[in-house]
Amino acid sequence: MDENKPFIPISKPSITEKEIAYGTDAIRSTWISSLGKYIDEFEKKFAEFSDAKYGIALMNGTVAIQLALEASGVKAGDEVIIPDLSFVATANAVLYLNAVPVFIDIDPFNLCMDPDRIEEAVSPKTKAIIPVHLYGHPADMVRINEIAKRHNLIVVEDAAEAHGATINGKKVGSWGHCATFSFYGNKNITTGEGGMITTNDEKLYQRCRFLRDHAMSPVKRYWHPEMGHNFRMTNIQAAIGVAQLERIKEITGSKNRVFNAYHRRLKNHPEISINKTSPWATNAFWLIAARLKGITEKQRDELIGWLKEDGVDSRPFFYPMSDLPYLPKTDNTPVTHEIFKEGINLPTYFDLSDSEVDRVCDSLIRSMAKLKYSVQA
């Protein structure tokens, strides 16, 4: 690694004086736990941003999925259909309820759940579908909702990576029975850790609020008619979230700029393709998702090492969840397995400069050429 070149990380949050001011205000108010003005403000404004009526702020995106499923009536033994390509939290949230994740394949164009694969996975035990809006691209919610309606299935959007993405002009977060978001430090909007459920269903909203706070009676303090959870977000986190949300147009604009900079540099390299967007969608571009044609998993990992030597961070695509030792196996996800091998995420963040994008692309192109040479040799 060239010591004169600063390391380019895969991601970093954009924290300005606004986030610092709001977070400081929350601390000075002494309302630093799960009550305070910023909780209510963040829930209300994020729901509005997501074209939904209600928001429930939570401690992270994983418990958001778990709570959304639980409040929707998913129980032990129920089957939940999810795409095989996602961060493992999607499957873990199902397992936390002793329900069963059923993996299906992805659309090779947008990398999201393939609607053509859903009905073959439906069984008498199927209770819900979790479409994942992967790497910032929304799943085809129009077709997914049509299928879910035919089979009377609950739809929970996993929008952890897609804040502000749209389908036919309508934002993710309002297409399913409910949707879940993450505000982890590498997301387009961050609260450090944190999550949110959005919904248009008032009954589901009230159920989620009840369960997230130990299922405490709203009229009889310290009375708990059933078991609940401590899934609350703090007022400090919400303060940072409010500040981030006020900057969302700026953040989204920067993500688009970064994508365009990568596209200009890589569009003429036939062996490298990056995020594709379906004509009915807008993309939140959480991470630049590059696919390296014809590469093996071993070669991809070697290339990641060469990038790191050049001072460029990168990540492989998520492992197919059905390959993980504790999760159900399937032979029905060949597209997922092929794309996983050739997939690599490149640095994507608010203040990544065009010159830094050039440096990443130069390193990637050199590494691809080196890989080709080593294979030929």
Protein backbone atom coordinates (compact mmCIF):
# COMPACT_ATOMS: atom_id res chain seq x y z
CA MET A 1 0.00 0.00 0.00
CA ASP A 2 1.27 3.48 -0.96
CA GLU A 3 1.64 5.35 2.34
CA ASN A 4 1.26 8.67 0.49
CA LYS A 5 -2.26 7.79 -0.63
CA PRO A 6 -5.02 7.97 1.98
CA PHE A 7 -7.04 4.79 2.45
CA ILE A 8 -10.47 4.90 0.79
CA PRO A 9 -13.00 3.06 3.03
CA ILE A 10 -16.04 1.22 1.73
CA SER A 11 -18.33 3.65 3.55
CA LYS A 12 -18.43 6.38 6.18
CA PRO A 13 -21.26 8.52 7.55
CA SER A 14 -21.77 12.17 6.72
CA ILE A 15 -21.88 13.97 10.07
CA THR A 16 -22.15 17.76 10.02
CA GLU A 17 -22.61 20.52 12.58
CA LYS A 18 -26.38 19.93 12.30
CA GLU A 19 -26.12 16.37 13.66
CA ILE A 20 -23.74 17.55 16.38
CA ALA A 21 -26.09 20.40 17.35
CA TYR A 22 -29.21 18.22 17.51
CA GLY A 23 -27.42 15.45 19.40
CA THR A 24 -26.02 17.99 21.85
CA ASP A 25 -29.47 19.47 22.33
CA ALA A 26 -30.85 16.02 23.19
CA ILE A 27 -28.07 15.48 25.74
CA ARG A 28 -28.55 18.91 27.33
CA SER A 29 -32.28 18.32 27.60
CA THR A 30 -31.44 15.31 29.86
CA TRP A 31 -33.95 13.26 27.81
CA ILE A 32 -31.28 10.82 26.68
CA SER A 33 -33.15 7.50 26.79
CA SER A 34 -36.27 6.45 24.89
CA LEU A 35 -38.46 9.48 25.63
CA GLY A 36 -38.01 12.98 24.23
CA LYS A 37 -39.11 15.29 21.46
CA TYR A 38 -36.77 13.88 18.83
CA ILE A 39 -38.31 10.38 19.00
CA ASP A 40 -41.75 11.67 18.04
CA GLU A 41 -40.32 14.04 15.43
CA PHE A 42 -38.17 11.38 13.78
CA GLU A 43 -41.01 8.87 13.64
CA LYS A 44 -43.43 11.39 12.16
CA LYS A 45 -41.04 12.89 9.61
CA PHE A 46 -39.54 9.58 8.49
CA ALA A 47 -43.01 8.11 7.95
CA GLU A 48 -43.94 11.14 5.85
CA PHE A 49 -40.69 10.80 3.90
CA SER A 50 -41.53 7.13 3.20
CA ASP A 51 -45.09 7.91 2.00
CA ALA A 52 -46.50 6.14 5.08
CA LYS A 53 -48.82 7.24 7.90
CA TYR A 54 -46.96 5.83 10.90
CA GLY A 55 -43.39 5.24 12.07
CA ILE A 56 -42.08 3.23 15.02
CA ALA A 57 -38.46 3.99 15.97
CA LEU A 58 -36.43 0.99 17.16
CA MET A 59 -32.96 0.00 18.32
CA ASN A 60 -31.84 -1.52 14.98
CA GLY A 61 -33.06 -2.82 11.65
CA THR A 62 -32.96 -6.50 12.62
CA VAL A 63 -35.41 -6.15 15.50
CA ALA A 64 -37.55 -4.02 13.17
CA ILE A 65 -38.03 -7.08 10.94
CA GLN A 66 -38.62 -9.34 13.93
CA LEU A 67 -41.18 -7.01 15.48
CA ALA A 68 -42.93 -6.40 12.15
CA LEU A 69 -43.36 -10.14 11.65
CA GLU A 70 -44.43 -10.78 15.24
CA ALA A 71 -46.95 -7.93 15.26
CA SER A 72 -48.32 -9.21 11.93
CA GLY A 73 -49.04 -12.61 13.46
CA VAL A 74 -46.10 -14.73 12.27
CA LYS A 75 -45.59 -17.61 14.73
CA ALA A 76 -43.38 -20.64 15.29
CA GLY A 77 -43.53 -23.06 12.37
CA ASP A 78 -44.81 -20.50 9.86
CA GLU A 79 -42.86 -20.20 6.62
CA VAL A 80 -41.57 -16.85 5.38
CA ILE A 81 -40.35 -16.46 1.80
CA ILE A 82 -37.18 -14.38 1.41
CA PRO A 83 -34.54 -13.91 -1.32
CA ASP A 84 -31.37 -15.96 -0.92
CA LEU A 85 -29.21 -12.87 -1.49
CA SER A 86 -29.47 -10.52 1.49
CA PHE A 87 -27.66 -9.63 4.68
CA VAL A 88 -28.24 -12.46 7.15
CA ALA A 89 -30.39 -10.28 9.45
CA THR A 90 -33.35 -10.94 7.13
CA ALA A 91 -33.23 -14.67 7.88
CA ASN A 92 -32.25 -14.28 11.53
CA ALA A 93 -35.32 -12.15 12.25
CA VAL A 94 -37.47 -15.03 10.99
CA LEU A 95 -35.60 -17.54 13.14
CA TYR A 96 -36.00 -15.40 16.27
CA LEU A 97 -39.72 -16.22 16.07
CA ASN A 98 -38.98 -19.92 15.45
CA ALA A 99 -40.46 -19.46 11.99
CA VAL A 100 -38.86 -20.98 8.87
CA PRO A 101 -37.09 -18.95 6.15
CA VAL A 102 -37.74 -20.27 2.64
CA PHE A 103 -35.16 -19.03 0.14
CA ILE A 104 -35.93 -18.14 -3.46
CA ASP A 105 -33.80 -16.83 -6.31
CA ILE A 106 -33.19 -13.27 -7.46
CA ASP A 107 -33.75 -11.29 -10.63
CA PRO A 108 -30.36 -11.14 -12.40
CA PHE A 109 -31.01 -7.56 -13.53
CA ASN A 110 -31.85 -5.76 -10.29
CA LEU A 111 -30.64 -8.42 -7.78
CA CYS A 112 -33.93 -8.39 -5.85
CA MET A 113 -36.42 -11.20 -5.22
CA ASP A 114 -37.61 -12.73 -8.51
CA PRO A 115 -41.43 -12.61 -8.52
CA ASP A 116 -41.50 -15.57 -10.94
CA ARG A 117 -40.03 -17.76 -8.18
CA ILE A 118 -42.51 -16.91 -5.42
CA GLU A 119 -45.52 -19.12 -6.14
CA GLU A 120 -43.46 -22.30 -6.46
CA ALA A 121 -42.26 -21.65 -2.87
CA VAL A 122 -45.75 -21.12 -1.40
CA SER A 123 -47.02 -23.93 0.82
CA PRO A 124 -49.91 -24.31 3.31
CA LYS A 125 -47.48 -23.10 5.99
CA THR A 126 -46.49 -19.90 4.19
CA LYS A 127 -47.48 -16.81 6.18
CA ALA A 128 -45.37 -13.94 4.85
CA ILE A 129 -43.00 -12.62 2.19
CA ILE A 130 -40.05 -10.34 2.85
CA PRO A 131 -38.93 -8.61 -0.35
CA VAL A 132 -35.47 -7.09 0.17
CA HIS A 133 -34.62 -3.83 -1.60
CA LEU A 134 -31.01 -4.86 -2.18
CA TYR A 135 -28.11 -2.39 -2.40
CA GLY A 136 -30.62 0.44 -2.86
CA HIS A 137 -32.78 -1.02 -5.65
CA PRO A 138 -36.45 -1.74 -4.81
CA ALA A 139 -38.00 -5.14 -5.38
CA ASP A 140 -40.91 -5.39 -7.83
CA MET A 141 -43.59 -4.66 -5.24
CA VAL A 142 -46.41 -4.41 -7.77
CA ARG A 143 -46.05 -8.05 -8.83
CA ILE A 144 -45.12 -9.24 -5.33
CA ASN A 145 -48.24 -7.65 -3.84
CA GLU A 146 -50.43 -9.24 -6.53
CA ILE A 147 -49.06 -12.68 -5.68
CA ALA A 148 -49.33 -12.07 -1.94
CA LYS A 149 -52.95 -11.01 -2.29
CA ARG A 150 -53.81 -14.20 -4.20
CA HIS A 151 -52.37 -16.32 -1.39
CA ASN A 152 -53.40 -14.10 1.54
CA LEU A 153 -49.79 -13.48 2.61
CA ILE A 154 -48.32 -10.71 4.77
CA VAL A 155 -45.74 -8.52 3.00
CA VAL A 156 -42.94 -6.94 5.02
CA GLU A 157 -40.56 -4.80 2.97
CA ASP A 158 -36.92 -5.02 4.07
CA ALA A 159 -35.90 -1.49 3.06
CA ALA A 160 -32.76 -1.36 5.23
CA GLU A 161 -30.64 -0.33 2.24
CA ALA A 162 -33.06 1.75 0.20
CA HIS A 163 -34.13 4.94 2.00
CA GLY A 164 -35.97 7.07 -0.54
CA ALA A 165 -35.96 4.61 -3.46
CA THR A 166 -39.21 4.60 -5.44
CA ILE A 167 -41.46 2.28 -7.42
CA ASN A 168 -43.59 4.05 -10.02
CA GLY A 169 -42.92 7.30 -8.14
CA LYS A 170 -44.04 5.97 -4.73
CA LYS A 171 -41.39 5.47 -2.08
CA VAL A 172 -40.43 2.16 -0.52
CA GLY A 173 -41.82 1.94 2.98
CA SER A 174 -45.44 2.17 1.93
CA TRP A 175 -45.93 -0.83 -0.36
CA GLY A 176 -46.27 -3.73 2.08
CA HIS A 177 -48.33 -4.29 5.19
CA CYS A 178 -45.31 -2.60 6.72
CA ALA A 179 -41.66 -1.90 5.97
CA THR A 180 -38.46 -1.96 7.98
CA PHE A 181 -35.40 0.29 7.79
CA SER A 182 -31.91 0.31 9.26
CA PHE A 183 -29.96 3.38 10.35
CA TYR A 184 -26.62 1.64 10.91
CA GLY A 185 -23.52 3.80 10.38
CA ASN A 186 -23.08 2.83 6.72
CA LYS A 187 -26.68 3.48 5.64
CA ASN A 188 -27.84 6.51 3.61
CA ILE A 189 -29.43 7.86 6.80
CA THR A 190 -27.73 6.90 10.06
CA THR A 191 -28.36 7.17 13.78
CA GLY A 192 -25.28 5.06 14.60
CA GLU A 193 -27.49 2.07 15.31
CA GLY A 194 -31.24 2.22 14.88
CA GLY A 195 -34.24 1.04 12.92
CA MET A 196 -37.79 1.95 11.96
CA ILE A 197 -41.04 0.28 10.98
CA THR A 198 -43.33 2.23 8.68
CA THR A 199 -46.95 1.29 8.00
CA ASN A 200 -50.33 2.63 6.95
CA ASP A 201 -52.14 0.20 9.26
CA GLU A 202 -53.10 1.89 12.55
CA LYS A 203 -53.79 -1.43 14.31
CA LEU A 204 -50.36 -2.76 13.35
CA TYR A 205 -48.76 0.53 14.40
CA GLN A 206 -50.32 0.36 17.87
CA ARG A 207 -49.34 -3.30 18.23
CA CYS A 208 -45.72 -2.53 17.38
CA ARG A 209 -45.58 0.39 19.83
CA PHE A 210 -47.00 -1.83 22.55
CA LEU A 211 -44.58 -4.72 22.02
CA ARG A 212 -41.43 -2.60 21.67
CA ASP A 213 -41.71 -1.31 25.27
CA HIS A 214 -42.04 -4.55 27.28
CA ALA A 215 -45.75 -4.78 26.34
CA MET A 216 -46.55 -2.33 29.11
CA SER A 217 -50.18 -1.34 29.45
CA PRO A 218 -50.73 2.22 28.13
CA VAL A 219 -53.25 2.89 30.93
CA LYS A 220 -51.83 0.88 33.86
CA ARG A 221 -48.16 1.54 34.47
CA TYR A 222 -45.92 -1.50 35.11
CA TRP A 223 -48.73 -3.83 34.11
CA HIS A 224 -47.65 -6.23 31.34
CA PRO A 225 -50.46 -8.42 30.00
CA GLU A 226 -48.03 -10.37 27.78
CA MET A 227 -44.32 -10.65 27.04
CA GLY A 228 -42.85 -7.78 25.05
CA HIS A 229 -39.39 -6.49 24.16
CA ASN A 230 -37.04 -3.63 24.89
CA PHE A 231 -36.56 -2.54 21.27
CA ARG A 232 -36.58 1.22 21.90
CA MET A 233 -34.47 3.88 20.18
CA THR A 234 -32.88 6.61 22.30
CA ASN A 235 -33.69 10.30 21.98
CA ILE A 236 -30.02 11.00 21.17
CA GLN A 237 -30.13 8.61 18.21
CA ALA A 238 -33.41 10.11 17.03
CA ALA A 239 -31.90 13.61 17.22
CA ILE A 240 -29.14 12.54 14.82
CA GLY A 241 -31.80 10.90 12.62
CA VAL A 242 -33.84 14.11 12.42
CA ALA A 243 -30.74 16.01 11.32
CA GLN A 244 -29.90 13.37 8.72
CA LEU A 245 -33.45 13.38 7.40
CA GLU A 246 -33.33 17.16 6.96
CA ARG A 247 -30.30 16.56 4.73
CA ILE A 248 -31.73 13.64 2.76
CA LYS A 249 -31.95 15.47 -0.58
CA GLU A 250 -28.31 16.45 -0.26
CA ILE A 251 -27.31 12.91 0.71
CA THR A 252 -29.35 11.32 -2.10
CA GLY A 253 -27.92 13.78 -4.61
CA SER A 254 -24.41 12.85 -3.58
CA LYS A 255 -25.12 9.12 -3.95
CA ASN A 256 -26.37 9.76 -7.48
CA ARG A 257 -23.25 11.82 -8.25
CA VAL A 258 -21.02 8.98 -7.01
CA PHE A 259 -22.89 6.43 -9.13
CA ASN A 260 -22.59 8.66 -12.22
CA ALA A 261 -18.86 9.08 -11.63
CA TYR A 262 -18.40 5.30 -11.50
CA HIS A 263 -20.63 4.82 -14.53
CA ARG A 264 -18.58 7.28 -16.62
CA ARG A 265 -15.36 5.45 -15.79
CA LEU A 266 -16.57 1.87 -16.14
CA LYS A 267 -19.24 1.97 -18.85
CA ASN A 268 -16.79 1.00 -21.60
CA HIS A 269 -15.35 -2.00 -19.76
CA PRO A 270 -17.37 -5.03 -20.91
CA GLU A 271 -16.14 -7.21 -18.05
CA ILE A 272 -17.33 -4.76 -15.37
CA SER A 273 -20.95 -3.72 -14.79
CA ILE A 274 -22.44 -1.73 -11.92
CA ASN A 275 -25.91 -1.15 -10.45
CA LYS A 276 -28.68 -1.44 -13.02
CA THR A 277 -32.04 0.22 -12.41
CA SER A 278 -35.37 -1.11 -13.65
CA PRO A 279 -37.45 1.40 -15.68
CA TRP A 280 -40.17 1.51 -13.00
CA ALA A 281 -37.73 2.30 -10.19
CA THR A 282 -35.38 4.90 -8.78
CA ASN A 283 -32.30 3.63 -7.00
CA ALA A 284 -31.00 4.82 -3.63
CA PHE A 285 -27.48 3.55 -4.51
CA TRP A 286 -26.62 2.43 -0.99
CA LEU A 287 -23.46 0.76 -2.32
CA ILE A 288 -21.94 0.54 -5.77
CA ALA A 289 -22.53 -3.10 -6.65
CA ALA A 290 -20.09 -4.20 -9.34
CA ARG A 291 -20.24 -7.50 -11.16
CA LEU A 292 -17.01 -8.86 -12.67
CA LYS A 293 -17.89 -11.09 -15.61
CA GLY A 294 -16.58 -14.64 -15.59
CA ILE A 295 -14.75 -14.39 -12.28
CA THR A 296 -14.62 -17.15 -9.66
CA GLU A 297 -15.09 -16.65 -5.92
CA LYS A 298 -11.39 -17.32 -5.33
CA GLN A 299 -10.37 -14.82 -8.02
CA ARG A 300 -12.74 -12.20 -6.62
CA ASP A 301 -11.24 -12.60 -3.16
CA GLU A 302 -7.74 -12.27 -4.62
CA LEU A 303 -8.81 -9.09 -6.43
CA ILE A 304 -10.21 -7.66 -3.17
CA GLY A 305 -6.75 -8.21 -1.66
CA TRP A 306 -5.07 -6.33 -4.51
CA LEU A 307 -7.46 -3.41 -4.09
CA LYS A 308 -6.59 -3.27 -0.40
CA GLU A 309 -2.90 -3.18 -1.25
CA ASP A 310 -3.74 -0.13 -3.37
CA GLY A 311 -5.47 1.51 -0.40
CA VAL A 312 -9.01 0.79 -1.61
CA ASP A 313 -11.54 -0.96 0.60
CA SER A 314 -14.16 -3.25 -0.95
CA ARG A 315 -16.53 -6.04 0.04
CA PRO A 316 -17.80 -9.23 -1.57
CA PHE A 317 -21.53 -9.55 -2.11
CA PHE A 318 -23.42 -11.19 0.72
CA TYR A 319 -23.08 -14.98 0.88
CA PRO A 320 -26.17 -16.86 -0.29
CA MET A 321 -27.93 -17.40 3.02
CA SER A 322 -28.78 -20.99 2.11
CA ASP A 323 -25.03 -21.75 2.18
CA LEU A 324 -24.67 -20.74 5.83
CA PRO A 325 -24.35 -23.79 8.09
CA TYR A 326 -27.33 -23.10 10.37
CA LEU A 327 -29.87 -22.11 7.71
CA PRO A 328 -32.08 -24.27 5.44
CA LYS A 329 -30.46 -25.50 2.25
CA THR A 330 -31.81 -25.13 -1.28
CA ASP A 331 -30.74 -26.09 -4.81
CA ASN A 332 -33.17 -23.60 -6.36
CA THR A 333 -31.10 -20.41 -6.32
CA PRO A 334 -28.56 -20.73 -9.18
CA VAL A 335 -28.71 -17.03 -10.11
CA THR A 336 -27.92 -16.01 -6.53
CA HIS A 337 -24.93 -18.34 -6.42
CA GLU A 338 -23.56 -17.17 -9.77
CA ILE A 339 -23.90 -13.48 -8.97
CA PHE A 340 -22.44 -13.89 -5.48
CA LYS A 341 -19.17 -15.21 -6.98
CA GLU A 342 -18.70 -12.24 -9.30
CA GLY A 343 -20.05 -9.49 -7.01
CA ILE A 344 -18.01 -6.80 -5.28
CA ASN A 345 -19.08 -3.61 -3.50
CA LEU A 346 -16.98 -0.50 -4.05
CA PRO A 347 -16.55 2.62 -1.88
CA THR A 348 -19.78 4.63 -1.77
CA TYR A 349 -20.30 7.56 0.56
CA PHE A 350 -21.38 11.19 0.72
CA ASP A 351 -18.08 12.99 0.30
CA LEU A 352 -16.30 10.48 -1.94
CA SER A 353 -14.76 12.75 -4.56
CA ASP A 354 -14.71 12.15 -8.32
CA SER A 355 -10.91 11.92 -8.17
CA GLU A 356 -11.20 9.20 -5.50
CA VAL A 357 -13.69 7.35 -7.71
CA ASP A 358 -11.10 7.56 -10.49
CA ARG A 359 -8.52 6.07 -8.14
CA VAL A 360 -10.86 3.20 -7.20
CA CYS A 361 -11.63 2.51 -10.86
CA ASP A 362 -7.97 2.66 -11.88
CA SER A 363 -7.15 0.10 -9.20
CA LEU A 364 -10.08 -2.13 -10.19
CA ILE A 365 -9.15 -2.05 -13.89
CA ARG A 366 -5.49 -2.80 -13.10
CA SER A 367 -6.52 -5.65 -10.84
CA MET A 368 -8.81 -7.12 -13.49
CA ALA A 369 -5.97 -6.97 -16.03
CA LYS A 370 -3.59 -8.57 -13.52
CA LEU A 371 -6.13 -11.30 -12.85
CA LYS A 372 -6.55 -12.01 -16.56
CA TYR A 373 -2.79 -12.15 -17.01
CA SER A 374 -2.34 -14.52 -14.06
CA VAL A 375 -5.07 -16.83 -15.42
CA GLN A 376 -3.48 -16.87 -18.89
CA ALA A 377 -0.03 -17.51 -17.43
